[in-house]
Amino acid sequence: MITAKKQLNLLIAILLLTLSSSYAFTDEKGKPPLITESGHTVDDLELIRTRVAKGEAVLLDVREQDEWDAGHLAAASFMPLSELRDGKIPEKYSKLLPKDKPIYLHCRSGGRVLMCAEILMNQKLDIRPMKAGYEKLLQAGYQKAE
């Protein structure tokens, strides 16, 4: 019998393979890639923090409510993956998704952001999943919300 955890791990593995084969690694003008082969952004943490602080980008936390309540980044907005699983974006989150700025996604360890990215990519948004999770972002100097 396959446990729910094994099913989830299998689903994540399949999704990662799908994502890695569906992202473009160069554009038609030969510009450097925005996404790694694993599907995460190539942008470094300092650049992301600077862009978000200047209002040039958005940072979304896609973890679940209990994780958000236990602690979250001051610069992040909350949009849990569980509310996007049917592929539709609830109206209450549409204001968090600008079409003219990069949207960085973070979670606990870099896995859920890939699932969220696939859903949001269908909206023709500049989605950039972060590999660094919440704890690593705190260690990198991102400010925790009070």
Protein backbone atom coordinates (compact mmCIF):
# COMPACT_ATOMS: atom_id res chain seq x y z
CA MET A 1 0.00 0.00 0.00
CA ILE A 2 1.33 3.44 -0.91
CA THR A 3 1.18 5.93 1.93
CA ALA A 4 0.03 9.51 1.47
CA LYS A 5 3.61 10.69 2.07
CA LYS A 6 4.95 8.40 -0.68
CA GLN A 7 2.19 9.61 -3.02
CA LEU A 8 3.13 13.22 -2.30
CA ASN A 9 6.83 12.53 -2.87
CA LEU A 10 6.02 10.81 -6.17
CA LEU A 11 3.84 13.73 -7.24
CA ILE A 12 6.60 16.22 -6.39
CA ALA A 13 9.19 14.17 -8.32
CA ILE A 14 6.94 14.04 -11.38
CA LEU A 15 6.23 17.75 -11.11
CA LEU A 16 9.91 18.61 -10.84
CA LEU A 17 10.68 16.59 -13.95
CA THR A 18 7.84 18.30 -15.79
CA LEU A 19 8.89 21.76 -14.67
CA SER A 20 12.54 21.26 -15.50
CA SER A 21 11.67 20.22 -19.03
CA SER A 22 9.13 23.01 -19.57
CA TYR A 23 11.13 26.08 -18.54
CA ALA A 24 13.13 27.83 -21.23
CA PHE A 25 16.81 28.28 -20.42
CA THR A 26 17.50 30.91 -23.04
CA ASP A 27 15.22 33.28 -24.85
CA GLU A 28 15.13 34.05 -28.54
CA LYS A 29 17.70 36.83 -28.05
CA GLY A 30 20.12 34.56 -26.16
CA LYS A 31 19.68 36.31 -22.80
CA PRO A 32 20.80 34.42 -19.69
CA PRO A 33 18.19 32.19 -18.06
CA LEU A 34 15.96 33.46 -15.26
CA ILE A 35 15.31 29.95 -13.95
CA THR A 36 17.70 27.07 -13.15
CA GLU A 37 17.26 23.55 -14.48
CA SER A 38 15.58 22.64 -11.18
CA GLY A 39 13.03 25.41 -11.73
CA HIS A 40 14.26 27.96 -9.17
CA THR A 41 15.24 31.57 -9.82
CA VAL A 42 18.85 32.40 -10.58
CA ASP A 43 18.48 35.74 -8.76
CA ASP A 44 20.56 35.87 -5.59
CA LEU A 45 18.99 36.58 -2.20
CA GLU A 46 20.45 40.07 -1.87
CA LEU A 47 19.11 41.14 -5.26
CA ILE A 48 15.68 39.80 -4.38
CA ARG A 49 15.66 41.57 -1.02
CA THR A 50 16.69 44.86 -2.67
CA ARG A 51 14.07 44.60 -5.42
CA VAL A 52 11.32 43.82 -2.92
CA ALA A 53 12.40 46.67 -0.61
CA LYS A 54 12.33 49.13 -3.52
CA GLY A 55 8.89 47.94 -4.64
CA GLU A 56 10.34 46.59 -7.89
CA ALA A 57 9.26 43.02 -7.08
CA VAL A 58 6.80 41.11 -4.90
CA LEU A 59 7.58 38.37 -2.38
CA LEU A 60 4.88 35.76 -1.75
CA ASP A 61 4.89 33.15 1.00
CA VAL A 62 3.08 30.05 -0.28
CA ARG A 63 3.27 28.08 2.97
CA GLU A 64 0.12 27.20 4.92
CA GLN A 65 -1.70 29.28 7.53
CA ASP A 66 -0.17 27.52 10.55
CA GLU A 67 3.34 28.08 9.17
CA TRP A 68 2.58 31.75 8.42
CA ASP A 69 1.15 32.21 11.94
CA ALA A 70 4.28 30.64 13.47
CA GLY A 71 6.45 33.27 11.76
CA HIS A 72 6.80 35.01 8.44
CA LEU A 73 8.92 37.57 6.64
CA ALA A 74 7.99 41.23 7.05
CA ALA A 75 8.25 41.87 3.31
CA ALA A 76 6.15 38.87 2.27
CA SER A 77 2.48 38.61 1.45
CA PHE A 78 0.54 35.42 2.15
CA MET A 79 -0.90 33.22 -0.58
CA PRO A 80 -1.05 29.55 0.49
CA LEU A 81 -0.57 26.94 -2.21
CA SER A 82 -3.54 24.96 -0.90
CA GLU A 83 -5.88 27.70 -2.10
CA LEU A 84 -4.50 27.47 -5.66
CA ARG A 85 -4.54 23.70 -6.13
CA ASP A 86 -7.55 23.69 -8.45
CA GLY A 87 -5.58 25.94 -10.81
CA LYS A 88 -7.74 28.96 -10.15
CA ILE A 89 -6.56 32.05 -8.30
CA PRO A 90 -9.10 33.35 -5.78
CA GLU A 91 -10.01 37.00 -6.37
CA LYS A 92 -8.63 37.99 -2.95
CA TYR A 93 -5.10 37.16 -4.20
CA SER A 94 -5.25 38.84 -7.60
CA LYS A 95 -3.99 42.16 -6.17
CA LEU A 96 -0.82 40.36 -5.02
CA LEU A 97 0.06 39.37 -8.60
CA PRO A 98 1.30 42.36 -10.61
CA LYS A 99 1.85 41.74 -14.30
CA ASP A 100 4.70 44.26 -14.51
CA LYS A 101 7.04 43.01 -11.72
CA PRO A 102 8.86 39.82 -10.84
CA ILE A 103 6.96 37.73 -8.30
CA TYR A 104 9.26 35.75 -6.02
CA LEU A 105 7.79 32.74 -4.25
CA HIS A 106 9.12 31.17 -1.07
CA CYS A 107 8.04 28.28 1.12
CA ARG A 108 9.73 26.13 3.77
CA SER A 109 12.26 24.35 1.59
CA GLY A 110 11.80 25.22 -2.09
CA GLY A 111 9.40 22.46 -3.18
CA ARG A 112 5.94 24.01 -2.94
CA VAL A 113 7.10 27.08 -4.84
CA LEU A 114 7.56 24.90 -7.92
CA MET A 115 3.98 23.64 -7.75
CA CYS A 116 2.73 27.18 -7.22
CA ALA A 117 4.87 28.45 -10.09
CA GLU A 118 3.28 26.06 -12.54
CA ILE A 119 -0.18 27.31 -11.61
CA LEU A 120 0.82 30.98 -11.80
CA MET A 121 2.77 30.61 -15.06
CA ASN A 122 -0.57 30.09 -16.79
CA GLN A 123 -1.40 33.69 -15.87
CA LYS A 124 1.54 35.01 -17.93
CA LEU A 125 3.24 36.43 -14.86
CA ASP A 126 6.98 36.78 -14.17
CA ILE A 127 7.16 34.03 -11.55
CA ARG A 128 10.49 33.28 -9.88
CA PRO A 129 10.44 30.42 -7.35
CA MET A 130 13.11 30.69 -4.67
CA LYS A 131 15.09 27.64 -3.59
CA ALA A 132 15.87 29.17 -0.20
CA GLY A 133 13.16 28.46 2.34
CA TYR A 134 11.91 30.53 5.24
CA GLU A 135 14.70 29.64 7.72
CA LYS A 136 17.45 30.23 5.13
CA LEU A 137 15.92 33.60 4.29
CA LEU A 138 16.02 34.58 7.96
CA GLN A 139 19.65 33.44 8.13
CA ALA A 140 20.38 35.56 5.05
CA GLY A 141 19.14 38.65 6.86
CA TYR A 142 15.52 38.89 5.72
CA GLN A 143 13.48 40.62 8.42
CA LYS A 144 10.96 38.57 10.40
CA ALA A 145 7.55 40.20 10.91
CA GLU A 146 6.85 41.36 14.43
